[in-house]
Amino acid sequence: MEYQYPIDYHWSTEEIVDVITFFEALERAYEKGIEREEVMKTYRRFKEIVPSKAEEKTICGQFEEMSGYSTFQTIKKAKEALAGDIIKMK
């Protein structure tokens, strides 16, 4: 897919890389499946960078609009899953 990730240019290079890693984890959940722990690890790091619920909603909404992949649904499924489970979205 061709789209740009929603990033804040006030973030450091490391933070930008970590946010992109989170979005790539979401893509893998939809495209082939990903371990629950990987999704949650990247989400926890994302929340360190974007602690505000409002900002998270805005950024994730932009990502969903561009990609069609729901951050909310993916994280919800990962939180409900057991350790070792593979998260595969439809």
PDB file of N, CA and C in Angstrom:
ATOM      1  N   MET A   1       0.836  -1.186   0.000  1.00  0.00           N
ATOM      2  CA  MET A   1       0.000   0.000   0.000  1.00  0.00           C
ATOM      3  C   MET A   1       0.875   1.241   0.000  1.00  0.00           C
ATOM      4  N   GLU A   2       0.427   2.247  -0.675  1.00  0.00           N
ATOM      5  CA  GLU A   2       1.166   3.508  -0.726  1.00  0.00           C
ATOM      6  C   GLU A   2       0.434   4.569   0.092  1.00  0.00           C
ATOM      7  N   TYR A   3       0.985   4.891   1.240  1.00  0.00           N
ATOM      8  CA  TYR A   3       0.479   5.985   2.069  1.00  0.00           C
ATOM      9  C   TYR A   3       1.569   6.393   3.034  1.00  0.00           C
ATOM     10  N   GLN A   4       1.390   7.547   3.632  1.00  0.00           N
ATOM     11  CA  GLN A   4       2.373   8.031   4.594  1.00  0.00           C
ATOM     12  C   GLN A   4       1.826   7.829   5.998  1.00  0.00           C
ATOM     13  N   TYR A   5       2.717   7.486   6.899  1.00  0.00           N
ATOM     14  CA  TYR A   5       2.314   7.324   8.291  1.00  0.00           C
ATOM     15  C   TYR A   5       2.109   8.696   8.928  1.00  0.00           C
ATOM     16  N   PRO A   6       1.102   8.814   9.790  1.00  0.00           N
ATOM     17  CA  PRO A   6       0.913  10.086  10.501  1.00  0.00           C
ATOM     18  C   PRO A   6       1.960  10.227  11.603  1.00  0.00           C
ATOM     19  N   ILE A   7       2.850  11.187  11.438  1.00  0.00           N
ATOM     20  CA  ILE A   7       3.884  11.417  12.443  1.00  0.00           C
ATOM     21  C   ILE A   7       3.938  12.898  12.788  1.00  0.00           C
ATOM     22  N   ASP A   8       4.453  13.161  13.958  1.00  0.00           N
ATOM     23  CA  ASP A   8       4.617  14.526  14.447  1.00  0.00           C
ATOM     24  C   ASP A   8       6.102  14.867  14.299  1.00  0.00           C
ATOM     25  N   TYR A   9       6.405  15.899  13.557  1.00  0.00           N
ATOM     26  CA  TYR A   9       7.801  16.231  13.299  1.00  0.00           C
ATOM     27  C   TYR A   9       8.505  16.846  14.502  1.00  0.00           C
ATOM     28  N   HIS A  10       7.792  16.965  15.617  1.00  0.00           N
ATOM     29  CA  HIS A  10       8.425  17.380  16.865  1.00  0.00           C
ATOM     30  C   HIS A  10       9.030  16.181  17.596  1.00  0.00           C
ATOM     31  N   TRP A  11       8.675  14.981  17.165  1.00  0.00           N
ATOM     32  CA  TRP A  11       9.237  13.786  17.773  1.00  0.00           C
ATOM     33  C   TRP A  11      10.698  13.634  17.367  1.00  0.00           C
ATOM     34  N   SER A  12      11.446  12.957  18.206  1.00  0.00           N
ATOM     35  CA  SER A  12      12.840  12.652  17.860  1.00  0.00           C
ATOM     36  C   SER A  12      12.856  11.571  16.777  1.00  0.00           C
ATOM     37  N   THR A  13      14.007  11.382  16.166  1.00  0.00           N
ATOM     38  CA  THR A  13      14.144  10.339  15.143  1.00  0.00           C
ATOM     39  C   THR A  13      13.804   8.975  15.734  1.00  0.00           C
ATOM     40  N   GLU A  14      14.273   8.708  16.935  1.00  0.00           N
ATOM     41  CA  GLU A  14      13.980   7.430  17.594  1.00  0.00           C
ATOM     42  C   GLU A  14      12.475   7.258  17.813  1.00  0.00           C
ATOM     43  N   GLU A  15      11.802   8.316  18.238  1.00  0.00           N
ATOM     44  CA  GLU A  15      10.357   8.239  18.456  1.00  0.00           C
ATOM     45  C   GLU A  15       9.611   7.996  17.143  1.00  0.00           C
ATOM     46  N   ILE A  16      10.038   8.663  16.084  1.00  0.00           N
ATOM     47  CA  ILE A  16       9.411   8.456  14.774  1.00  0.00           C
ATOM     48  C   ILE A  16       9.577   7.000  14.339  1.00  0.00           C
ATOM     49  N   VAL A  17      10.769   6.461  14.499  1.00  0.00           N
ATOM     50  CA  VAL A  17      11.028   5.057  14.140  1.00  0.00           C
ATOM     51  C   VAL A  17      10.128   4.133  14.966  1.00  0.00           C
ATOM     52  N   ASP A  18       9.989   4.409  16.256  1.00  0.00           N
ATOM     53  CA  ASP A  18       9.170   3.564  17.123  1.00  0.00           C
ATOM     54  C   ASP A  18       7.688   3.638  16.767  1.00  0.00           C
ATOM     55  N   VAL A  19       7.199   4.812  16.395  1.00  0.00           N
ATOM     56  CA  VAL A  19       5.796   4.945  15.977  1.00  0.00           C
ATOM     57  C   VAL A  19       5.570   4.199  14.665  1.00  0.00           C
ATOM     58  N   ILE A  20       6.497   4.308  13.740  1.00  0.00           N
ATOM     59  CA  ILE A  20       6.388   3.580  12.475  1.00  0.00           C
ATOM     60  C   ILE A  20       6.414   2.070  12.736  1.00  0.00           C
ATOM     61  N   THR A  21       7.237   1.633  13.671  1.00  0.00           N
ATOM     62  CA  THR A  21       7.285   0.214  14.038  1.00  0.00           C
ATOM     63  C   THR A  21       5.923  -0.240  14.558  1.00  0.00           C
ATOM     64  N   PHE A  22       5.258   0.597  15.344  1.00  0.00           N
ATOM     65  CA  PHE A  22       3.912   0.288  15.840  1.00  0.00           C
ATOM     66  C   PHE A  22       2.928   0.138  14.678  1.00  0.00           C
ATOM     67  N   PHE A  23       2.953   1.082  13.742  1.00  0.00           N
ATOM     68  CA  PHE A  23       2.038   0.993  12.600  1.00  0.00           C
ATOM     69  C   PHE A  23       2.345  -0.230  11.738  1.00  0.00           C
ATOM     70  N   GLU A  24       3.614  -0.567  11.602  1.00  0.00           N
ATOM     71  CA  GLU A  24       3.985  -1.768  10.848  1.00  0.00           C
ATOM     72  C   GLU A  24       3.472  -3.028  11.548  1.00  0.00           C
ATOM     73  N   ALA A  25       3.464  -3.030  12.874  1.00  0.00           N
ATOM     74  CA  ALA A  25       2.918  -4.169  13.626  1.00  0.00           C
ATOM     75  C   ALA A  25       1.424  -4.308  13.347  1.00  0.00           C
ATOM     76  N   LEU A  26       0.723  -3.184  13.286  1.00  0.00           N
ATOM     77  CA  LEU A  26      -0.708  -3.221  12.965  1.00  0.00           C
ATOM     78  C   LEU A  26      -0.927  -3.771  11.560  1.00  0.00           C
ATOM     79  N   GLU A  27      -0.093  -3.355  10.625  1.00  0.00           N
ATOM     80  CA  GLU A  27      -0.202  -3.861   9.258  1.00  0.00           C
ATOM     81  C   GLU A  27      -0.011  -5.373   9.227  1.00  0.00           C
ATOM     82  N   ARG A  28       0.982  -5.868   9.970  1.00  0.00           N
ATOM     83  CA  ARG A  28       1.224  -7.318  10.004  1.00  0.00           C
ATOM     84  C   ARG A  28       0.038  -8.061  10.592  1.00  0.00           C
ATOM     85  N   ALA A  29      -0.630  -7.450  11.589  1.00  0.00           N
ATOM     86  CA  ALA A  29      -1.811  -8.092  12.181  1.00  0.00           C
ATOM     87  C   ALA A  29      -2.885  -8.318  11.122  1.00  0.00           C
ATOM     88  N   TYR A  30      -3.011  -7.412  10.198  1.00  0.00           N
ATOM     89  CA  TYR A  30      -4.015  -7.550   9.136  1.00  0.00           C
ATOM     90  C   TYR A  30      -3.516  -8.404   7.972  1.00  0.00           C
ATOM     91  N   GLU A  31      -2.262  -8.309   7.662  1.00  0.00           N
ATOM     92  CA  GLU A  31      -1.753  -8.943   6.450  1.00  0.00           C
ATOM     93  C   GLU A  31      -1.338 -10.398   6.634  1.00  0.00           C
ATOM     94  N   LYS A  32      -0.740 -10.745   7.790  1.00  0.00           N
ATOM     95  CA  LYS A  32      -0.332 -12.141   7.956  1.00  0.00           C
ATOM     96  C   LYS A  32      -0.438 -12.659   9.382  1.00  0.00           C
ATOM     97  N   GLY A  33      -0.623 -11.794  10.342  1.00  0.00           N
ATOM     98  CA  GLY A  33      -0.690 -12.211  11.735  1.00  0.00           C
ATOM     99  C   GLY A  33       0.597 -11.848  12.454  1.00  0.00           C
ATOM    100  N   ILE A  34       0.474 -11.589  13.754  1.00  0.00           N
ATOM    101  CA  ILE A  34       1.614 -11.168  14.567  1.00  0.00           C
ATOM    102  C   ILE A  34       1.373 -11.623  16.002  1.00  0.00           C
ATOM    103  N   GLU A  35       2.440 -11.930  16.706  1.00  0.00           N
ATOM    104  CA  GLU A  35       2.303 -12.367  18.088  1.00  0.00           C
ATOM    105  C   GLU A  35       1.746 -11.247  18.963  1.00  0.00           C
ATOM    106  N   ARG A  36       0.905 -11.640  19.892  1.00  0.00           N
ATOM    107  CA  ARG A  36       0.275 -10.689  20.810  1.00  0.00           C
ATOM    108  C   ARG A  36       1.316  -9.820  21.511  1.00  0.00           C
ATOM    109  N   GLU A  37       2.395 -10.451  21.990  1.00  0.00           N
ATOM    110  CA  GLU A  37       3.411  -9.712  22.740  1.00  0.00           C
ATOM    111  C   GLU A  37       4.055  -8.613  21.903  1.00  0.00           C
ATOM    112  N   GLU A  38       4.254  -8.875  20.616  1.00  0.00           N
ATOM    113  CA  GLU A  38       4.857  -7.875  19.734  1.00  0.00           C
ATOM    114  C   GLU A  38       3.920  -6.673  19.564  1.00  0.00           C
ATOM    115  N   VAL A  39       2.636  -6.960  19.380  1.00  0.00           N
ATOM    116  CA  VAL A  39       1.659  -5.872  19.254  1.00  0.00           C
ATOM    117  C   VAL A  39       1.656  -5.026  20.527  1.00  0.00           C
ATOM    118  N   MET A  40       1.593  -5.683  21.677  1.00  0.00           N
ATOM    119  CA  MET A  40       1.506  -4.955  22.943  1.00  0.00           C
ATOM    120  C   MET A  40       2.794  -4.195  23.247  1.00  0.00           C
ATOM    121  N   LYS A  41       3.938  -4.778  22.911  1.00  0.00           N
ATOM    122  CA  LYS A  41       5.222  -4.091  23.134  1.00  0.00           C
ATOM    123  C   LYS A  41       5.292  -2.810  22.319  1.00  0.00           C
ATOM    124  N   THR A  42       4.921  -2.884  21.046  1.00  0.00           N
ATOM    125  CA  THR A  42       4.979  -1.682  20.200  1.00  0.00           C
ATOM    126  C   THR A  42       3.915  -0.671  20.629  1.00  0.00           C
ATOM    127  N   TYR A  43       2.763  -1.157  21.110  1.00  0.00           N
ATOM    128  CA  TYR A  43       1.709  -0.243  21.578  1.00  0.00           C
ATOM    129  C   TYR A  43       2.156   0.483  22.854  1.00  0.00           C
ATOM    130  N   ARG A  44       2.774  -0.240  23.776  1.00  0.00           N
ATOM    131  CA  ARG A  44       3.256   0.413  25.010  1.00  0.00           C
ATOM    132  C   ARG A  44       4.265   1.513  24.683  1.00  0.00           C
ATOM    133  N   ARG A  45       5.145   1.250  23.737  1.00  0.00           N
ATOM    134  CA  ARG A  45       6.122   2.273  23.338  1.00  0.00           C
ATOM    135  C   ARG A  45       5.412   3.449  22.671  1.00  0.00           C
ATOM    136  N   PHE A  46       4.444   3.159  21.829  1.00  0.00           N
ATOM    137  CA  PHE A  46       3.648   4.212  21.183  1.00  0.00           C
ATOM    138  C   PHE A  46       3.001   5.103  22.252  1.00  0.00           C
ATOM    139  N   LYS A  47       2.454   4.483  23.310  1.00  0.00           N
ATOM    140  CA  LYS A  47       1.794   5.251  24.371  1.00  0.00           C
ATOM    141  C   LYS A  47       2.790   6.094  25.176  1.00  0.00           C
ATOM    142  N   GLU A  48       4.051   5.695  25.245  1.00  0.00           N
ATOM    143  CA  GLU A  48       5.068   6.530  25.884  1.00  0.00           C
ATOM    144  C   GLU A  48       5.293   7.800  25.067  1.00  0.00           C
ATOM    145  N   ILE A  49       5.213   7.666  23.758  1.00  0.00           N
ATOM    146  CA  ILE A  49       5.435   8.798  22.858  1.00  0.00           C
ATOM    147  C   ILE A  49       4.185   9.657  22.750  1.00  0.00           C
ATOM    148  N   VAL A  50       3.025   9.000  22.747  1.00  0.00           N
ATOM    149  CA  VAL A  50       1.728   9.686  22.586  1.00  0.00           C
ATOM    150  C   VAL A  50       0.853   9.336  23.797  1.00  0.00           C
ATOM    151  N   PRO A  51       1.112   9.950  24.947  1.00  0.00           N
ATOM    152  CA  PRO A  51       0.335   9.598  26.145  1.00  0.00           C
ATOM    153  C   PRO A  51      -1.096  10.136  26.147  1.00  0.00           C
ATOM    154  N   SER A  52      -1.359  11.182  25.400  1.00  0.00           N
ATOM    155  CA  SER A  52      -2.677  11.801  25.377  1.00  0.00           C
ATOM    156  C   SER A  52      -3.668  10.953  24.584  1.00  0.00           C
ATOM    157  N   LYS A  53      -4.817  10.637  25.203  1.00  0.00           N
ATOM    158  CA  LYS A  53      -5.870   9.875  24.513  1.00  0.00           C
ATOM    159  C   LYS A  53      -6.353  10.617  23.276  1.00  0.00           C
ATOM    160  N   ALA A  54      -6.509  11.934  23.394  1.00  0.00           N
ATOM    161  CA  ALA A  54      -7.002  12.727  22.267  1.00  0.00           C
ATOM    162  C   ALA A  54      -6.020  12.684  21.097  1.00  0.00           C
ATOM    163  N   GLU A  55      -4.732  12.836  21.396  1.00  0.00           N
ATOM    164  CA  GLU A  55      -3.725  12.785  20.344  1.00  0.00           C
ATOM    165  C   GLU A  55      -3.645  11.382  19.743  1.00  0.00           C
ATOM    166  N   GLU A  56      -3.742  10.355  20.597  1.00  0.00           N
ATOM    167  CA  GLU A  56      -3.744   8.971  20.109  1.00  0.00           C
ATOM    168  C   GLU A  56      -4.911   8.751  19.145  1.00  0.00           C
ATOM    169  N   LYS A  57      -6.076   9.236  19.533  1.00  0.00           N
ATOM    170  CA  LYS A  57      -7.271   9.072  18.696  1.00  0.00           C
ATOM    171  C   LYS A  57      -7.085   9.762  17.343  1.00  0.00           C
ATOM    172  N   THR A  58      -6.494  10.942  17.354  1.00  0.00           N
ATOM    173  CA  THR A  58      -6.259  11.685  16.112  1.00  0.00           C
ATOM    174  C   THR A  58      -5.277  10.947  15.211  1.00  0.00           C
ATOM    175  N   ILE A  59      -4.134  10.555  15.778  1.00  0.00           N
ATOM    176  CA  ILE A  59      -3.100   9.888  14.982  1.00  0.00           C
ATOM    177  C   ILE A  59      -3.597   8.539  14.464  1.00  0.00           C
ATOM    178  N   CYS A  60      -4.225   7.770  15.328  1.00  0.00           N
ATOM    179  CA  CYS A  60      -4.717   6.452  14.909  1.00  0.00           C
ATOM    180  C   CYS A  60      -5.874   6.583  13.917  1.00  0.00           C
ATOM    181  N   GLY A  61      -6.675   7.625  14.069  1.00  0.00           N
ATOM    182  CA  GLY A  61      -7.749   7.879  13.103  1.00  0.00           C
ATOM    183  C   GLY A  61      -7.184   8.199  11.724  1.00  0.00           C
ATOM    184  N   GLN A  62      -6.118   8.984  11.694  1.00  0.00           N
ATOM    185  CA  GLN A  62      -5.464   9.297  10.419  1.00  0.00           C
ATOM    186  C   GLN A  62      -4.893   8.030   9.787  1.00  0.00           C
ATOM    187  N   PHE A  63      -4.268   7.183  10.619  1.00  0.00           N
ATOM    188  CA  PHE A  63      -3.708   5.935  10.111  1.00  0.00           C
ATOM    189  C   PHE A  63      -4.810   5.044   9.537  1.00  0.00           C
ATOM    190  N   GLU A  64      -5.915   4.929  10.261  1.00  0.00           N
ATOM    191  CA  GLU A  64      -7.025   4.081   9.789  1.00  0.00           C
ATOM    192  C   GLU A  64      -7.626   4.623   8.497  1.00  0.00           C
ATOM    193  N   GLU A  65      -7.754   5.938   8.410  1.00  0.00           N
ATOM    194  CA  GLU A  65      -8.304   6.557   7.203  1.00  0.00           C
ATOM    195  C   GLU A  65      -7.428   6.255   5.982  1.00  0.00           C
ATOM    196  N   MET A  66      -6.121   6.286   6.173  1.00  0.00           N
ATOM    197  CA  MET A  66      -5.197   6.059   5.057  1.00  0.00           C
ATOM    198  C   MET A  66      -5.028   4.569   4.728  1.00  0.00           C
ATOM    199  N   SER A  67      -5.011   3.719   5.767  1.00  0.00           N
ATOM    200  CA  SER A  67      -4.675   2.306   5.565  1.00  0.00           C
ATOM    201  C   SER A  67      -5.890   1.378   5.556  1.00  0.00           C
ATOM    202  N   GLY A  68      -6.942   1.794   6.257  1.00  0.00           N
ATOM    203  CA  GLY A  68      -8.092   0.910   6.424  1.00  0.00           C
ATOM    204  C   GLY A  68      -7.930  -0.042   7.604  1.00  0.00           C
ATOM    205  N   TYR A  69      -6.823   0.073   8.355  1.00  0.00           N
ATOM    206  CA  TYR A  69      -6.531  -0.806   9.483  1.00  0.00           C
ATOM    207  C   TYR A  69      -6.898  -0.115  10.797  1.00  0.00           C
ATOM    208  N   SER A  70      -7.686  -0.776  11.617  1.00  0.00           N
ATOM    209  CA  SER A  70      -8.154  -0.199  12.871  1.00  0.00           C
ATOM    210  C   SER A  70      -7.191  -0.476  14.024  1.00  0.00           C
ATOM    211  N   THR A  71      -6.608   0.577  14.540  1.00  0.00           N
ATOM    212  CA  THR A  71      -5.744   0.462  15.710  1.00  0.00           C
ATOM    213  C   THR A  71      -6.565  -0.012  16.906  1.00  0.00           C
ATOM    214  N   PHE A  72      -7.714   0.601  17.097  1.00  0.00           N
ATOM    215  CA  PHE A  72      -8.570   0.285  18.249  1.00  0.00           C
ATOM    216  C   PHE A  72      -8.937  -1.194  18.270  1.00  0.00           C
ATOM    217  N   GLN A  73      -9.416  -1.720  17.145  1.00  0.00           N
ATOM    218  CA  GLN A  73      -9.842  -3.122  17.092  1.00  0.00           C
ATOM    219  C   GLN A  73      -8.662  -4.075  17.288  1.00  0.00           C
ATOM    220  N   THR A  74      -7.526  -3.729  16.733  1.00  0.00           N
ATOM    221  CA  THR A  74      -6.346  -4.584  16.860  1.00  0.00           C
ATOM    222  C   THR A  74      -5.868  -4.642  18.310  1.00  0.00           C
ATOM    223  N   ILE A  75      -5.779  -3.488  18.962  1.00  0.00           N
ATOM    224  CA  ILE A  75      -5.323  -3.444  20.357  1.00  0.00           C
ATOM    225  C   ILE A  75      -6.349  -4.120  21.255  1.00  0.00           C
ATOM    226  N   LYS A  76      -7.623  -3.921  20.976  1.00  0.00           N
ATOM    227  CA  LYS A  76      -8.673  -4.575  21.758  1.00  0.00           C
ATOM    228  C   LYS A  76      -8.517  -6.093  21.675  1.00  0.00           C
ATOM    229  N   LYS A  77      -8.325  -6.613  20.472  1.00  0.00           N
ATOM    230  CA  LYS A  77      -8.156  -8.053  20.288  1.00  0.00           C
ATOM    231  C   LYS A  77      -6.889  -8.542  20.990  1.00  0.00           C
ATOM    232  N   ALA A  78      -5.812  -7.776  20.905  1.00  0.00           N
ATOM    233  CA  ALA A  78      -4.557  -8.163  21.558  1.00  0.00           C
ATOM    234  C   ALA A  78      -4.715  -8.192  23.075  1.00  0.00           C
ATOM    235  N   LYS A  79      -5.431  -7.237  23.645  1.00  0.00           N
ATOM    236  CA  LYS A  79      -5.634  -7.199  25.094  1.00  0.00           C
ATOM    237  C   LYS A  79      -6.464  -8.387  25.566  1.00  0.00           C
ATOM    238  N   GLU A  80      -7.385  -8.856  24.722  1.00  0.00           N
ATOM    239  CA  GLU A  80      -8.247  -9.983  25.080  1.00  0.00           C
ATOM    240  C   GLU A  80      -7.554 -11.324  24.860  1.00  0.00           C
ATOM    241  N   ALA A  81      -6.496 -11.340  24.065  1.00  0.00           N
ATOM    242  CA  ALA A  81      -5.798 -12.586  23.719  1.00  0.00           C
ATOM    243  C   ALA A  81      -4.907 -13.044  24.872  1.00  0.00           C
ATOM    244  N   LEU A  82      -4.505 -14.291  24.781  1.00  0.00           N
ATOM    245  CA  LEU A  82      -3.598 -14.865  25.774  1.00  0.00           C
ATOM    246  C   LEU A  82      -2.162 -14.746  25.297  1.00  0.00           C
ATOM    247  N   ALA A  83      -1.227 -14.826  26.216  1.00  0.00           N
ATOM    248  CA  ALA A  83       0.199 -14.802  25.874  1.00  0.00           C
ATOM    249  C   ALA A  83       0.476 -15.922  24.880  1.00  0.00           C
ATOM    250  N   GLY A  84       1.250 -15.605  23.857  1.00  0.00           N
ATOM    251  CA  GLY A  84       1.597 -16.590  22.842  1.00  0.00           C
ATOM    252  C   GLY A  84       0.625 -16.646  21.675  1.00  0.00           C
ATOM    253  N   ASP A  85      -0.535 -16.018  21.814  1.00  0.00           N
ATOM    254  CA  ASP A  85      -1.518 -16.017  20.725  1.00  0.00           C
ATOM    255  C   ASP A  85      -1.023 -15.194  19.546  1.00  0.00           C
ATOM    256  N   ILE A  86      -1.488 -15.560  18.372  1.00  0.00           N
ATOM    257  CA  ILE A  86      -1.226 -14.801  17.162  1.00  0.00           C
ATOM    258  C   ILE A  86      -2.458 -13.929  16.891  1.00  0.00           C
ATOM    259  N   ILE A  87      -2.225 -12.653  16.674  1.00  0.00           N
ATOM    260  CA  ILE A  87      -3.312 -11.715  16.370  1.00  0.00           C
ATOM    261  C   ILE A  87      -3.433 -11.653  14.854  1.00  0.00           C
ATOM    262  N   LYS A  88      -4.595 -12.028  14.340  1.00  0.00           N
ATOM    263  CA  LYS A  88      -4.854 -11.976  12.894  1.00  0.00           C
ATOM    264  C   LYS A  88      -6.174 -11.256  12.702  1.00  0.00           C
ATOM    265  N   MET A  89      -6.092 -10.087  12.081  1.00  0.00           N
ATOM    266  CA  MET A  89      -7.276  -9.266  11.844  1.00  0.00           C
ATOM    267  C   MET A  89      -7.846  -9.548  10.460  1.00  0.00           C
ATOM    268  N   LYS A  90      -9.134  -9.243  10.314  1.00  0.00           N
ATOM    269  CA  LYS A  90      -9.798  -9.423   9.010  1.00  0.00           C
ATOM    270  C   LYS A  90     -10.149  -8.093   8.422  1.00  0.00           C
TER     271      LYS A  90
END
